[in-house]
Each structure stands twice: as structure tokens, then as C-alpha cells.
Amino acid sequence: MPTRRVRPSAGADKAPAPPPSAKAPAPAKALAPEKGAKRRGPAAPDLKEQVGQIEGRLAKLEELLATVKAQKSKTEGENRLRLVQIEKLVTTRIASTRAALQVSLDRMGTALLESKKNVEREVGLLTRGLRAGVRAGRHAFRKPPPS
């Protein structure tokens, strides 16, 4: 005998409405980052990951080039010509990979230089503000001259 499924009545899965006299909950506040939380730049993790991937590809290509050169020295005829073509192809790929790596490193260097300049500027402003505060404090709490 097949079992029969019972469908819930419409609205049975909804929470009951609060009584009209109940106070409405306060709207949720926007979550702000904590005061001491460090803020990461969006490009930093991506560049590090990119450089790691490019270095990995470069290592694989260099291994492949060494293998092709070793095979080329052992073969003759058409196979040797084919290996010469492969060697040229791998050499160009290594050159393009090195160029991509250099571009990534240059971008990272530029980002670090920019970050250093920003930090130096902030430190300068904070130092100036601190010195001004110390001078103002000295002036405010200076003993009045005896009369």
C-alpha cells in the first residue's frame, strides 16, 4: 500500500505575525571594521600568487628545454629537426615567461614604492601633529610669571 504525502497548509511554514502592540526590532547597523584591523590592498595577494605561478611555469619550461637538448644530441635526421623546432619554441616561451615575470616584479616594486611614500607621508603628518600637541600642552600648563 503506497504511503500518501500530506502537504502542509498554505502559510504553515511561516512564522506567526507579532501582535500589533509589539515593538518593531531596530534595524541592523552596518558592520564597520574594527579600529585596530589591518587593511590589505587588493593587489598584494594577487601579485604574489601570480609571481609564484610564473616562477613555476618557468621552472617547468627550463626542465623541458634541458630534456629536449638531451634528446636532440642523441637523435638524427627528421627527429633531430623536429627537436630543433621544439627547442626554439620552448626558448621563446621561456623568454616570454621571463618577460611576464619581470613585468609582475616591476608592478610589485612600484606598488611597494608607492606604499612606502604613503607611509612616510603619514608618519610625517603624525610626527608634526604630535610635536604641535606637545608644544600646545607646554604652553597651556606653563606657570604664570610671578607678579
Foldseek 3Di string as FASTA:
>chain_A
DDDDDDDDDPPPPPDDDDPPVDDDDDDDDDDDDDPPDDDDDPCVVVLVVVLVVLVVVLVVLVVVLVVLVVVLVVDDDPVNVVSVVVNVVSVVVNVVSVVVNVVSVVVVVVVVVVVVVVVVVVVVVVVVVVVVVVVVVCVVPPDDDDD
